[in-house]
Amino acid sequence: MTKLLDLWQAQDELSKLITTDTLDVVATWRLSKLIPVLADLNDSRIELIKKLGDPKGKGVFEVKAENIKEFNRQFTEFLDEPLDGFQPIELEKLDGAKLNAVEMAKLAWLIIEPADEAKNGAGPAVVIEEVEQIPT
């Protein structure tokens, strides 16, 4: 199950992918749905910092030293929540994205490979026909 933590940890890679203009329209649409979720996630983090912190300047807050463990506990619990309504993107729909292996690994939760589709009942990844053996 995909969690908010997956989205949080892949922010840079998602930003790179979202700005790729050669993606399939379905991939672009599914990625666009993640933008407001990421913004809400960040807003929730800021609210938690304000709740457990002190102002340090104009619009800047810092978590109080005595509240760091509590901040980490609450934010970790929050990031453990499922990412509801997210639909993975088929690997071939990301053709044209310029991502390296490390970036792709961070986005593994986002991608469904043809073999995964077969496991999930979406159809076979490879069709194997039965061949009659010729006696020797």
Protein backbone atom coordinates (compact mmCIF):
# COMPACT_ATOMS: atom_id res chain seq x y z
CA MET A 1 0.00 0.00 0.00
CA THR A 2 1.32 3.41 -0.97
CA LYS A 3 1.70 5.81 1.95
CA LEU A 4 2.19 9.53 2.32
CA LEU A 5 5.79 8.72 3.27
CA ASP A 6 6.42 7.47 -0.28
CA LEU A 7 5.21 10.78 -1.68
CA TRP A 8 7.18 12.80 0.88
CA GLN A 9 10.46 10.99 0.16
CA ALA A 10 10.13 11.36 -3.61
CA GLN A 11 9.38 15.09 -3.83
CA ASP A 12 12.46 15.98 -5.90
CA GLU A 13 11.94 13.08 -8.30
CA LEU A 14 8.25 13.92 -8.67
CA SER A 15 9.09 17.54 -9.40
CA LYS A 16 11.42 16.42 -12.16
CA LEU A 17 8.84 14.01 -13.56
CA ILE A 18 5.96 16.51 -13.36
CA THR A 19 7.90 19.04 -15.43
CA THR A 20 8.60 16.51 -18.21
CA ASP A 21 6.55 17.62 -21.20
CA THR A 22 6.88 14.43 -23.24
CA LEU A 23 4.82 12.14 -21.00
CA ASP A 24 1.67 10.31 -21.99
CA VAL A 25 -1.50 12.28 -21.21
CA VAL A 26 -2.71 9.63 -18.73
CA ALA A 27 0.60 9.80 -16.83
CA THR A 28 0.43 13.60 -16.81
CA TRP A 29 -3.13 13.49 -15.46
CA ARG A 30 -2.28 11.02 -12.69
CA LEU A 31 0.81 13.00 -11.71
CA SER A 32 -1.19 16.25 -11.61
CA LYS A 33 -3.44 14.70 -8.95
CA LEU A 34 -0.42 14.36 -6.65
CA ILE A 35 0.44 18.08 -6.67
CA PRO A 36 -2.34 19.21 -4.29
CA VAL A 37 -1.74 16.19 -2.03
CA LEU A 38 1.93 17.14 -1.72
CA ALA A 39 0.96 20.76 -0.99
CA ASP A 40 -1.50 19.63 1.71
CA LEU A 41 1.14 17.34 3.19
CA ASN A 42 3.58 20.24 3.43
CA ASP A 43 0.91 22.53 4.91
CA SER A 44 0.16 19.91 7.59
CA ARG A 45 3.88 19.71 8.42
CA ILE A 46 4.08 23.50 8.76
CA GLU A 47 1.03 23.55 11.04
CA LEU A 48 2.64 20.89 13.24
CA ILE A 49 5.86 22.95 13.39
CA LYS A 50 3.85 26.02 14.43
CA LYS A 51 1.97 24.00 17.05
CA LEU A 52 5.13 22.57 18.61
CA GLY A 53 7.49 25.46 17.90
CA ASP A 54 8.31 29.08 18.47
CA PRO A 55 8.44 31.94 15.98
CA LYS A 56 12.00 32.74 14.90
CA GLY A 57 11.28 35.61 12.59
CA LYS A 58 8.75 36.78 10.04
CA GLY A 59 6.83 33.61 9.10
CA VAL A 60 9.63 31.34 10.36
CA PHE A 61 9.03 28.77 13.10
CA GLU A 62 11.33 26.27 14.76
CA VAL A 63 10.31 23.21 16.76
CA LYS A 64 11.22 23.67 20.42
CA ALA A 65 14.00 21.35 21.59
CA GLU A 66 11.70 19.75 24.17
CA ASN A 67 9.11 19.01 21.42
CA ILE A 68 11.37 17.40 18.80
CA LYS A 69 10.51 13.83 19.84
CA GLU A 70 6.80 14.67 19.81
CA PHE A 71 7.09 16.35 16.41
CA ASN A 72 8.89 13.31 15.00
CA ARG A 73 6.30 10.96 16.52
CA GLN A 74 3.32 12.88 15.13
CA PHE A 75 4.83 13.52 11.71
CA THR A 76 5.95 9.89 11.35
CA GLU A 77 2.46 8.72 12.31
CA PHE A 78 0.99 11.13 9.77
CA LEU A 79 3.31 9.91 6.99
CA ASP A 80 2.21 6.34 7.71
CA GLU A 81 -1.28 7.19 6.42
CA PRO A 82 -2.28 5.66 3.07
CA LEU A 83 -2.16 7.74 -0.10
CA ASP A 84 -5.84 7.34 -0.97
CA GLY A 85 -7.12 7.27 -4.51
CA PHE A 86 -3.72 7.04 -6.14
CA GLN A 87 -3.51 5.03 -9.34
CA PRO A 88 -0.06 3.73 -10.35
CA ILE A 89 1.27 4.66 -13.78
CA GLU A 90 2.27 2.07 -16.34
CA LEU A 91 5.99 2.14 -17.04
CA GLU A 92 5.52 2.66 -20.80
CA LYS A 93 3.47 5.83 -20.10
CA LEU A 94 6.61 7.37 -18.58
CA ASP A 95 8.56 6.98 -21.81
CA GLY A 96 10.47 10.19 -22.37
CA ALA A 97 11.15 10.87 -18.71
CA LYS A 98 14.83 11.48 -18.07
CA LEU A 99 15.37 9.75 -14.73
CA ASN A 100 18.40 7.88 -13.48
CA ALA A 101 18.29 4.55 -11.63
CA VAL A 102 18.26 6.14 -8.16
CA GLU A 103 15.37 8.43 -9.12
CA MET A 104 13.45 5.50 -10.61
CA ALA A 105 13.99 3.49 -7.41
CA LYS A 106 12.50 6.31 -5.33
CA LEU A 107 9.46 6.28 -7.62
CA ALA A 108 8.94 2.50 -7.59
CA TRP A 109 5.65 2.95 -5.68
CA LEU A 110 4.39 5.12 -8.54
CA ILE A 111 5.12 2.70 -11.37
CA ILE A 112 3.46 -0.50 -12.44
CA GLU A 113 5.48 -2.73 -14.72
CA PRO A 114 3.95 -5.10 -17.29
CA ALA A 115 4.81 -8.09 -15.08
CA ASP A 116 2.97 -6.39 -12.18
CA GLU A 117 -0.10 -5.98 -14.39
CA ALA A 118 -0.14 -9.72 -15.01
CA LYS A 119 0.06 -10.41 -11.27
CA ASN A 120 -2.77 -7.96 -10.65
CA GLY A 121 -5.02 -9.59 -13.23
CA ALA A 122 -4.67 -6.86 -15.84
CA GLY A 123 -3.52 -9.36 -18.45
CA PRO A 124 -0.49 -11.45 -19.21
CA ALA A 125 2.91 -9.84 -19.48
CA VAL A 126 4.10 -12.67 -21.72
CA VAL A 127 1.97 -15.09 -23.68
CA ILE A 128 3.38 -18.60 -23.91
CA GLU A 129 1.80 -20.91 -26.41
CA GLU A 130 1.81 -24.65 -25.96
CA VAL A 131 3.93 -26.29 -28.63
CA GLU A 132 3.52 -29.89 -29.62
CA GLN A 133 6.75 -31.84 -29.21
CA ILE A 134 8.00 -33.62 -32.30
CA PRO A 135 9.05 -37.22 -31.55
CA THR A 136 12.72 -37.92 -32.24
